[in-house]
C-alpha atoms as a PDB file:
ATOM      1  CA  UNK A   1      71.394  68.474  35.008  1.00  0.00           C
ATOM      2  CA  UNK A   2      74.572  69.234  33.519  1.00  0.00           C
ATOM      3  CA  UNK A   3      76.966  66.293  32.581  1.00  0.00           C
ATOM      4  CA  UNK A   4      80.730  66.865  32.134  1.00  0.00           C
ATOM      5  CA  UNK A   5      81.311  64.112  29.678  1.00  0.00           C
ATOM      6  CA  UNK A   6      85.190  64.062  29.829  1.00  0.00           C
ATOM      7  CA  UNK A   7      87.062  65.248  32.926  1.00  0.00           C
ATOM      8  CA  UNK A   8      90.335  63.763  33.830  1.00  0.00           C
ATOM      9  CA  UNK A   9      89.544  64.848  38.074  1.00  0.00           C
ATOM     10  CA  UNK A  10      92.588  62.102  39.209  1.00  0.00           C
ATOM     11  CA  UNK A  11      95.047  63.930  37.603  1.00  0.00           C
ATOM     12  CA  UNK A  12      98.062  65.558  39.643  1.00  0.00           C
ATOM     13  CA  UNK A  13      96.605  68.807  39.126  1.00  0.00           C
ATOM     14  CA  UNK A  14      93.988  68.454  41.108  1.00  0.00           C
ATOM     15  CA  UNK A  15      95.880  66.486  44.275  1.00  0.00           C
ATOM     16  CA  UNK A  16      95.880  69.965  46.305  1.00  0.00           C
ATOM     17  CA  UNK A  17      92.262  70.400  46.478  1.00  0.00           C
ATOM     18  CA  UNK A  18      90.356  67.736  44.391  1.00  0.00           C
ATOM     19  CA  UNK A  19      87.863  67.724  47.112  1.00  0.00           C
ATOM     20  CA  UNK A  20      86.618  71.211  46.984  1.00  0.00           C
ATOM     21  CA  UNK A  21      86.735  70.937  43.101  1.00  0.00           C
ATOM     22  CA  UNK A  22      84.236  67.813  43.020  1.00  0.00           C
ATOM     23  CA  UNK A  23      82.314  69.833  45.587  1.00  0.00           C
ATOM     24  CA  UNK A  24      82.316  73.183  43.401  1.00  0.00           C
ATOM     25  CA  UNK A  25      81.381  71.047  40.422  1.00  0.00           C
ATOM     26  CA  UNK A  26      78.123  69.453  42.512  1.00  0.00           C
ATOM     27  CA  UNK A  27      77.387  73.469  43.502  1.00  0.00           C
ATOM     28  CA  UNK A  28      77.422  75.200  40.174  1.00  0.00           C
ATOM     29  CA  UNK A  29      75.013  72.737  39.169  1.00  0.00           C
ATOM     30  CA  UNK A  30      77.604  70.170  37.228  1.00  0.00           C
ATOM     31  CA  UNK A  31      75.312  66.675  38.340  1.00  0.00           C
ATOM     32  CA  UNK A  32      77.465  64.292  36.551  1.00  0.00           C
ATOM     33  CA  UNK A  33      81.277  63.859  35.647  1.00  0.00           C
ATOM     34  CA  UNK A  34      82.842  61.149  33.390  1.00  0.00           C
ATOM     35  CA  UNK A  35      86.578  60.428  34.297  1.00  0.00           C
ATOM     36  CA  UNK A  36      87.867  58.595  31.666  1.00  0.00           C
ATOM     37  CA  UNK A  37      91.532  56.940  32.362  1.00  0.00           C
ATOM     38  CA  UNK A  38      94.213  57.034  29.731  1.00  0.00           C
ATOM     39  CA  UNK A  39      96.887  54.204  30.781  1.00  0.00           C
ATOM     40  CA  UNK A  40      96.653  51.313  33.007  1.00  0.00           C
ATOM     41  CA  UNK A  41      98.704  52.905  35.695  1.00  0.00           C
ATOM     42  CA  UNK A  42      96.312  55.071  36.364  1.00  0.00           C
ATOM     43  CA  UNK A  43      92.813  52.521  36.384  1.00  0.00           C
ATOM     44  CA  UNK A  44      92.758  52.508  39.968  1.00  0.00           C
ATOM     45  CA  UNK A  45      93.019  56.347  40.654  1.00  0.00           C
ATOM     46  CA  UNK A  46      90.166  56.661  38.335  1.00  0.00           C
ATOM     47  CA  UNK A  47      88.245  54.072  39.977  1.00  0.00           C
ATOM     48  CA  UNK A  48      89.047  55.947  43.720  1.00  0.00           C
ATOM     49  CA  UNK A  49      88.363  59.154  42.378  1.00  0.00           C
ATOM     50  CA  UNK A  50      84.561  57.998  41.398  1.00  0.00           C
ATOM     51  CA  UNK A  51      83.990  56.003  44.409  1.00  0.00           C
ATOM     52  CA  UNK A  52      84.833  59.266  46.361  1.00  0.00           C
ATOM     53  CA  UNK A  53      82.942  61.451  44.398  1.00  0.00           C
ATOM     54  CA  UNK A  54      79.072  61.505  44.207  1.00  0.00           C
ATOM     55  CA  UNK A  55      78.080  61.748  40.381  1.00  0.00           C
ATOM     56  CA  UNK A  56      81.463  60.549  39.144  1.00  0.00           C
ATOM     57  CA  UNK A  57      81.462  57.765  36.554  1.00  0.00           C
ATOM     58  CA  UNK A  58      84.753  56.145  35.380  1.00  0.00           C
ATOM     59  CA  UNK A  59      85.910  54.784  31.807  1.00  0.00           C
ATOM     60  CA  UNK A  60      88.897  52.977  30.974  1.00  0.00           C
ATOM     61  CA  UNK A  61      90.974  52.632  27.970  1.00  0.00           C
ATOM     62  CA  UNK A  62      94.788  53.375  27.159  1.00  0.00           C
ATOM     63  CA  UNK A  63      95.249  56.739  25.416  1.00  0.00           C
ATOM     64  CA  UNK A  64      97.214  56.692  22.180  1.00  0.00           C
ATOM     65  CA  UNK A  65      99.659  59.390  23.673  1.00  0.00           C
ATOM     66  CA  UNK A  66     100.797  56.818  26.261  1.00  0.00           C
ATOM     67  CA  UNK A  67     101.096  54.033  24.158  1.00  0.00           C
ATOM     68  CA  UNK A  68     105.325  54.602  25.124  1.00  0.00           C
ATOM     69  CA  UNK A  69     104.172  53.251  28.422  1.00  0.00           C
ATOM     70  CA  UNK A  70     102.222  50.596  27.376  1.00  0.00           C
ATOM     71  CA  UNK A  71     102.716  47.033  26.521  1.00  0.00           C
ATOM     72  CA  UNK A  72     100.375  44.432  24.580  1.00  0.00           C
ATOM     73  CA  UNK A  73      99.576  42.495  28.030  1.00  0.00           C
ATOM     74  CA  UNK A  74      97.722  46.055  29.111  1.00  0.00           C
ATOM     75  CA  UNK A  75      94.909  45.203  26.729  1.00  0.00           C
ATOM     76  CA  UNK A  76      94.209  41.555  28.708  1.00  0.00           C
ATOM     77  CA  UNK A  77      94.346  43.737  31.649  1.00  0.00           C
ATOM     78  CA  UNK A  78      92.011  46.142  30.750  1.00  0.00           C
ATOM     79  CA  UNK A  79      89.571  43.624  29.926  1.00  0.00           C
ATOM     80  CA  UNK A  80      89.405  41.502  33.138  1.00  0.00           C
ATOM     81  CA  UNK A  81      89.698  45.152  34.469  1.00  0.00           C
ATOM     82  CA  UNK A  82      86.168  46.114  32.751  1.00  0.00           C
ATOM     83  CA  UNK A  83      84.569  42.791  33.150  1.00  0.00           C
ATOM     84  CA  UNK A  84      85.353  43.073  36.751  1.00  0.00           C
ATOM     85  CA  UNK A  85      84.300  46.548  37.171  1.00  0.00           C
ATOM     86  CA  UNK A  86      81.018  46.315  35.338  1.00  0.00           C
ATOM     87  CA  UNK A  87      80.408  43.502  38.171  1.00  0.00           C
ATOM     88  CA  UNK A  88      80.734  46.323  40.879  1.00  0.00           C
ATOM     89  CA  UNK A  89      78.459  48.588  42.479  1.00  0.00           C
ATOM     90  CA  UNK A  90      80.241  51.526  40.587  1.00  0.00           C
ATOM     91  CA  UNK A  91      80.635  50.038  36.874  1.00  0.00           C
ATOM     92  CA  UNK A  92      82.441  51.988  34.091  1.00  0.00           C
ATOM     93  CA  UNK A  93      80.248  53.740  31.546  1.00  0.00           C
ATOM     94  CA  UNK A  94      82.497  53.718  28.678  1.00  0.00           C
ATOM     95  CA  UNK A  95      85.745  52.521  27.101  1.00  0.00           C
ATOM     96  CA  UNK A  96      87.769  55.602  26.954  1.00  0.00           C
ATOM     97  CA  UNK A  97      89.716  57.707  26.106  1.00  0.00           C
ATOM     98  CA  UNK A  98      90.975  55.287  23.259  1.00  0.00           C
ATOM     99  CA  UNK A  99      91.675  56.661  19.512  1.00  0.00           C
ATOM    100  CA  UNK A 100      94.410  57.895  17.603  1.00  0.00           C
ATOM    101  CA  UNK A 101      96.650  61.099  17.563  1.00  0.00           C
ATOM    102  CA  UNK A 102      98.444  62.552  14.810  1.00  0.00           C
ATOM    103  CA  UNK A 103      99.510  65.641  16.069  1.00  0.00           C
ATOM    104  CA  UNK A 104     102.552  64.746  17.765  1.00  0.00           C
ATOM    105  CA  UNK A 105     105.476  64.304  15.582  1.00  0.00           C
ATOM    106  CA  UNK A 106     107.183  60.642  15.651  1.00  0.00           C
ATOM    107  CA  UNK A 107     103.797  58.787  16.364  1.00  0.00           C
ATOM    108  CA  UNK A 108     103.635  54.971  15.608  1.00  0.00           C
ATOM    109  CA  UNK A 109     100.457  55.024  13.069  1.00  0.00           C
ATOM    110  CA  UNK A 110     100.509  51.230  13.538  1.00  0.00           C
ATOM    111  CA  UNK A 111     101.060  50.853  17.099  1.00  0.00           C
ATOM    112  CA  UNK A 112      98.311  53.118  17.993  1.00  0.00           C
ATOM    113  CA  UNK A 113      95.957  51.714  15.340  1.00  0.00           C
ATOM    114  CA  UNK A 114      96.879  48.388  16.675  1.00  0.00           C
ATOM    115  CA  UNK A 115      95.719  49.208  20.406  1.00  0.00           C
ATOM    116  CA  UNK A 116      92.507  51.213  19.547  1.00  0.00           C
ATOM    117  CA  UNK A 117      91.240  48.813  17.169  1.00  0.00           C
ATOM    118  CA  UNK A 118      91.485  45.930  20.363  1.00  0.00           C
ATOM    119  CA  UNK A 119      89.765  48.393  22.216  1.00  0.00           C
ATOM    120  CA  UNK A 120      86.861  49.235  20.236  1.00  0.00           C
ATOM    121  CA  UNK A 121      86.620  44.997  19.943  1.00  0.00           C
ATOM    122  CA  UNK A 122      86.691  44.962  23.589  1.00  0.00           C
ATOM    123  CA  UNK A 123      83.816  47.544  23.830  1.00  0.00           C
ATOM    124  CA  UNK A 124      81.738  45.769  21.392  1.00  0.00           C
ATOM    125  CA  UNK A 125      82.099  42.997  22.646  1.00  0.00           C
ATOM    126  CA  UNK A 126      80.988  44.468  26.237  1.00  0.00           C
ATOM    127  CA  UNK A 127      78.211  46.325  24.742  1.00  0.00           C
ATOM    128  CA  UNK A 128      80.178  49.562  25.959  1.00  0.00           C
ATOM    129  CA  UNK A 129      80.049  52.891  24.118  1.00  0.00           C
ATOM    130  CA  UNK A 130      83.522  54.998  23.785  1.00  0.00           C
ATOM    131  CA  UNK A 131      85.368  57.812  24.227  1.00  0.00           C
ATOM    132  CA  UNK A 132      87.348  58.508  21.269  1.00  0.00           C
ATOM    133  CA  UNK A 133      90.659  60.676  21.108  1.00  0.00           C
ATOM    134  CA  UNK A 134      90.744  61.937  17.568  1.00  0.00           C
ATOM    135  CA  UNK A 135      93.017  64.750  17.256  1.00  0.00           C
ATOM    136  CA  UNK A 136      94.543  65.089  13.716  1.00  0.00           C
ATOM    137  CA  UNK A 137      92.831  61.210  12.802  1.00  0.00           C
ATOM    138  CA  UNK A 138      89.441  61.997  12.253  1.00  0.00           C
ATOM    139  CA  UNK A 139      89.689  60.418   9.114  1.00  0.00           C
ATOM    140  CA  UNK A 140      91.677  57.189  10.227  1.00  0.00           C
ATOM    141  CA  UNK A 141      89.289  56.956  13.385  1.00  0.00           C
ATOM    142  CA  UNK A 142      85.925  57.128  11.172  1.00  0.00           C
ATOM    143  CA  UNK A 143      88.118  53.989   8.805  1.00  0.00           C
ATOM    144  CA  UNK A 144      88.931  52.342  11.974  1.00  0.00           C
ATOM    145  CA  UNK A 145      84.469  52.565  13.540  1.00  0.00           C
ATOM    146  CA  UNK A 146      83.781  51.411   9.906  1.00  0.00           C
ATOM    147  CA  UNK A 147      85.325  48.080  10.845  1.00  0.00           C
ATOM    148  CA  UNK A 148      84.537  47.550  13.843  1.00  0.00           C
ATOM    149  CA  UNK A 149      81.028  48.616  14.921  1.00  0.00           C
ATOM    150  CA  UNK A 150      80.364  49.659  18.324  1.00  0.00           C
ATOM    151  CA  UNK A 151      77.171  51.458  20.510  1.00  0.00           C
ATOM    152  CA  UNK A 152      78.436  54.684  19.605  1.00  0.00           C
ATOM    153  CA  UNK A 153      80.069  56.902  21.903  1.00  0.00           C
ATOM    154  CA  UNK A 154      81.228  60.675  22.220  1.00  0.00           C
ATOM    155  CA  UNK A 155      84.332  61.782  19.907  1.00  0.00           C
ATOM    156  CA  UNK A 156      85.988  64.246  22.538  1.00  0.00           C
ATOM    157  CA  UNK A 157      87.261  67.655  21.139  1.00  0.00           C
ATOM    158  CA  UNK A 158      85.755  67.441  18.120  1.00  0.00           C
ATOM    159  CA  UNK A 159      87.252  69.727  15.168  1.00  0.00           C
ATOM    160  CA  UNK A 160      86.739  67.789  12.478  1.00  0.00           C
ATOM    161  CA  UNK A 161      84.940  69.538   8.908  1.00  0.00           C
ATOM    162  CA  UNK A 162      80.765  69.209   8.867  1.00  0.00           C
ATOM    163  CA  UNK A 163      80.675  66.185   6.857  1.00  0.00           C
ATOM    164  CA  UNK A 164      82.988  64.142   9.115  1.00  0.00           C
ATOM    165  CA  UNK A 165      80.446  65.455  11.830  1.00  0.00           C
ATOM    166  CA  UNK A 166      78.334  63.762  10.131  1.00  0.00           C
ATOM    167  CA  UNK A 167      79.941  60.516   9.554  1.00  0.00           C
ATOM    168  CA  UNK A 168      80.281  60.071  13.111  1.00  0.00           C
ATOM    169  CA  UNK A 169      76.706  60.862  13.632  1.00  0.00           C
ATOM    170  CA  UNK A 170      75.471  58.598  11.517  1.00  0.00           C
ATOM    171  CA  UNK A 171      77.512  55.684  13.567  1.00  0.00           C
ATOM    172  CA  UNK A 172      76.209  56.844  16.508  1.00  0.00           C
ATOM    173  CA  UNK A 173      78.120  59.072  18.045  1.00  0.00           C
ATOM    174  CA  UNK A 174      77.831  62.571  19.442  1.00  0.00           C
ATOM    175  CA  UNK A 175      80.366  65.738  19.394  1.00  0.00           C
ATOM    176  CA  UNK A 176      81.978  67.135  22.238  1.00  0.00           C
ATOM    177  CA  UNK A 177      82.598  70.966  22.678  1.00  0.00           C
ATOM    178  CA  UNK A 178      84.262  72.620  25.477  1.00  0.00           C
ATOM    179  CA  UNK A 179      86.452  75.567  26.416  1.00  0.00           C
ATOM    180  CA  UNK A 180      88.327  75.714  22.408  1.00  0.00           C
ATOM    181  CA  UNK A 181      85.182  76.689  21.898  1.00  0.00           C
ATOM    182  CA  UNK A 182      85.264  79.967  23.962  1.00  0.00           C
ATOM    183  CA  UNK A 183      88.263  81.327  21.635  1.00  0.00           C
ATOM    184  CA  UNK A 184      87.036  83.883  18.791  1.00  0.00           C
ATOM    185  CA  UNK A 185      89.891  82.964  16.953  1.00  0.00           C
ATOM    186  CA  UNK A 186      88.831  79.279  16.748  1.00  0.00           C
ATOM    187  CA  UNK A 187      86.675  79.791  13.920  1.00  0.00           C
ATOM    188  CA  UNK A 188      86.247  76.499  12.452  1.00  0.00           C
ATOM    189  CA  UNK A 189      84.965  75.043  15.965  1.00  0.00           C
ATOM    190  CA  UNK A 190      82.392  78.005  16.674  1.00  0.00           C
ATOM    191  CA  UNK A 191      81.451  77.277  13.185  1.00  0.00           C
ATOM    192  CA  UNK A 192      80.940  73.523  14.039  1.00  0.00           C
ATOM    193  CA  UNK A 193      79.525  74.115  17.408  1.00  0.00           C
ATOM    194  CA  UNK A 194      76.886  76.879  15.525  1.00  0.00           C
ATOM    195  CA  UNK A 195      75.982  74.443  12.864  1.00  0.00           C
ATOM    196  CA  UNK A 196      76.142  71.386  13.848  1.00  0.00           C
ATOM    197  CA  UNK A 197      72.277  70.000  14.955  1.00  0.00           C
ATOM    198  CA  UNK A 198      71.659  70.543  18.496  1.00  0.00           C
ATOM    199  CA  UNK A 199      70.990  67.091  19.227  1.00  0.00           C
ATOM    200  CA  UNK A 200      74.840  65.915  18.047  1.00  0.00           C
ATOM    201  CA  UNK A 201      76.600  68.591  20.509  1.00  0.00           C
ATOM    202  CA  UNK A 202      77.400  67.515  24.297  1.00  0.00           C
ATOM    203  CA  UNK A 203      79.549  69.838  26.820  1.00  0.00           C
ATOM    204  CA  UNK A 204      82.944  69.058  28.506  1.00  0.00           C
ATOM    205  CA  UNK A 205      85.949  70.439  30.090  1.00  0.00           C
ATOM    206  CA  UNK A 206      88.768  68.031  29.536  1.00  0.00           C
ATOM    207  CA  UNK A 207      89.974  69.693  32.793  1.00  0.00           C
ATOM    208  CA  UNK A 208      92.757  70.307  33.768  1.00  0.00           C
ATOM    209  CA  UNK A 209      92.885  70.939  30.298  1.00  0.00           C
ATOM    210  CA  UNK A 210      91.471  72.820  27.362  1.00  0.00           C
ATOM    211  CA  UNK A 211      90.772  75.893  29.595  1.00  0.00           C
ATOM    212  CA  UNK A 212      88.376  78.543  28.257  1.00  0.00           C
ATOM    213  CA  UNK A 213      89.571  81.678  27.179  1.00  0.00           C
ATOM    214  CA  UNK A 214      88.741  83.413  30.747  1.00  0.00           C
ATOM    215  CA  UNK A 215      91.014  81.374  32.214  1.00  0.00           C
ATOM    216  CA  UNK A 216      94.562  82.416  30.469  1.00  0.00           C
ATOM    217  CA  UNK A 217      96.018  79.322  29.824  1.00  0.00           C
ATOM    218  CA  UNK A 218      95.424  78.275  33.758  1.00  0.00           C
ATOM    219  CA  UNK A 219      94.275  74.883  35.175  1.00  0.00           C
ATOM    220  CA  UNK A 220      90.670  73.922  33.787  1.00  0.00           C
ATOM    221  CA  UNK A 221      88.114  72.606  36.339  1.00  0.00           C
ATOM    222  CA  UNK A 222      84.497  71.322  35.746  1.00  0.00           C
ATOM    223  CA  UNK A 223      82.927  74.396  37.105  1.00  0.00           C
ATOM    224  CA  UNK A 224      83.433  75.963  33.651  1.00  0.00           C
ATOM    225  CA  UNK A 225      81.006  74.017  32.553  1.00  0.00           C
ATOM    226  CA  UNK A 226      78.468  76.017  33.340  1.00  0.00           C
ATOM    227  CA  UNK A 227      80.097  79.282  31.604  1.00  0.00           C
ATOM    228  CA  UNK A 228      80.879  77.050  28.922  1.00  0.00           C
ATOM    229  CA  UNK A 229      77.694  75.892  27.945  1.00  0.00           C
ATOM    230  CA  UNK A 230      76.502  79.865  28.649  1.00  0.00           C
ATOM    231  CA  UNK A 231      79.185  80.844  25.652  1.00  0.00           C
ATOM    232  CA  UNK A 232      77.369  77.970  23.173  1.00  0.00           C
ATOM    233  CA  UNK A 233      73.947  79.472  24.151  1.00  0.00           C
ATOM    234  CA  UNK A 234      75.308  82.804  22.930  1.00  0.00           C
ATOM    235  CA  UNK A 235      76.710  81.321  20.000  1.00  0.00           C
ATOM    236  CA  UNK A 236      73.512  79.817  18.984  1.00  0.00           C
ATOM    237  CA  UNK A 237      71.291  82.672  20.208  1.00  0.00           C
ATOM    238  CA  UNK A 238      69.642  79.946  22.607  1.00  0.00           C
ATOM    239  CA  UNK A 239      68.374  79.761  26.183  1.00  0.00           C
ATOM    240  CA  UNK A 240      71.029  78.662  28.585  1.00  0.00           C
ATOM    241  CA  UNK A 241      68.447  76.213  29.923  1.00  0.00           C
ATOM    242  CA  UNK A 242      67.822  74.886  26.651  1.00  0.00           C
ATOM    243  CA  UNK A 243      71.317  74.121  25.611  1.00  0.00           C
ATOM    244  CA  UNK A 244      71.903  72.208  29.516  1.00  0.00           C
ATOM    245  CA  UNK A 245      68.772  70.110  28.527  1.00  0.00           C
ATOM    246  CA  UNK A 246      69.790  68.994  25.322  1.00  0.00           C
ATOM    247  CA  UNK A 247      73.173  68.430  26.362  1.00  0.00           C
ATOM    248  CA  UNK A 248      72.107  66.415  29.090  1.00  0.00           C
ATOM    249  CA  UNK A 249      69.493  64.217  27.139  1.00  0.00           C
ATOM    250  CA  UNK A 250      72.317  63.574  24.331  1.00  0.00           C
ATOM    251  CA  UNK A 251      74.692  62.362  26.883  1.00  0.00           C
ATOM    252  CA  UNK A 252      72.311  60.028  28.324  1.00  0.00           C
ATOM    253  CA  UNK A 253      71.285  58.414  24.769  1.00  0.00           C
ATOM    254  CA  UNK A 254      75.133  57.334  23.907  1.00  0.00           C
ATOM    255  CA  UNK A 255      76.022  56.776  27.433  1.00  0.00           C
ATOM    256  CA  UNK A 256      73.258  55.095  29.056  1.00  0.00           C
ATOM    257  CA  UNK A 257      74.536  53.328  32.215  1.00  0.00           C
ATOM    258  CA  UNK A 258      74.743  57.183  33.652  1.00  0.00           C
ATOM    259  CA  UNK A 259      72.485  57.012  36.361  1.00  0.00           C
END
């Protein structure tokens, strides 16, 4: 069983062929897909997507790059939404996508941290793992995780140092690798994918974003997870089945609500 730990299947890029994309993922062996929300405005779309497609599981959170459309009351809405959905037939499996992003210029660091810490506290109170966005903010994210201890989760699109990776692992997290790992020029990411303990790595597409090298900047999809897994297998000189099995076991350790 192959699990895509991060796929925005609700995104507008899939509006024309979402049914076909979901079926193709199943046909290629991607049995489970975690679909994270990014703002209050797409919670319902994520929920409906996961109700429609077998094997899709929702996560709800407010992404740091969507804060210009957020207000403080959205945090209360998220709490009420999460509590309601936990009692439903297709409950959320994590709080996410949440975190910090200091790559984009003009960011409001204080506002990002305010929303991030509040969502960490919600995850802690609901005993849920988190899906982390950590772009150019790894140390700051780790600082917040030390302040607010959650049950773990996944650091999405990890691109930090070995020492930072070890700290995430110590705090109960797995590290997400996807299409960026397939580029020969991505030496830092490829070095991490090669050197980190296999028990720390999970696979993700981040579709429709983060396409692998063979898509030449085109739309990514969860169907690419098998060749991405093969790229990791080649990098580590391991059988593909071992990579798939390890990633699946690792995901279930930190996202236990996956069936």
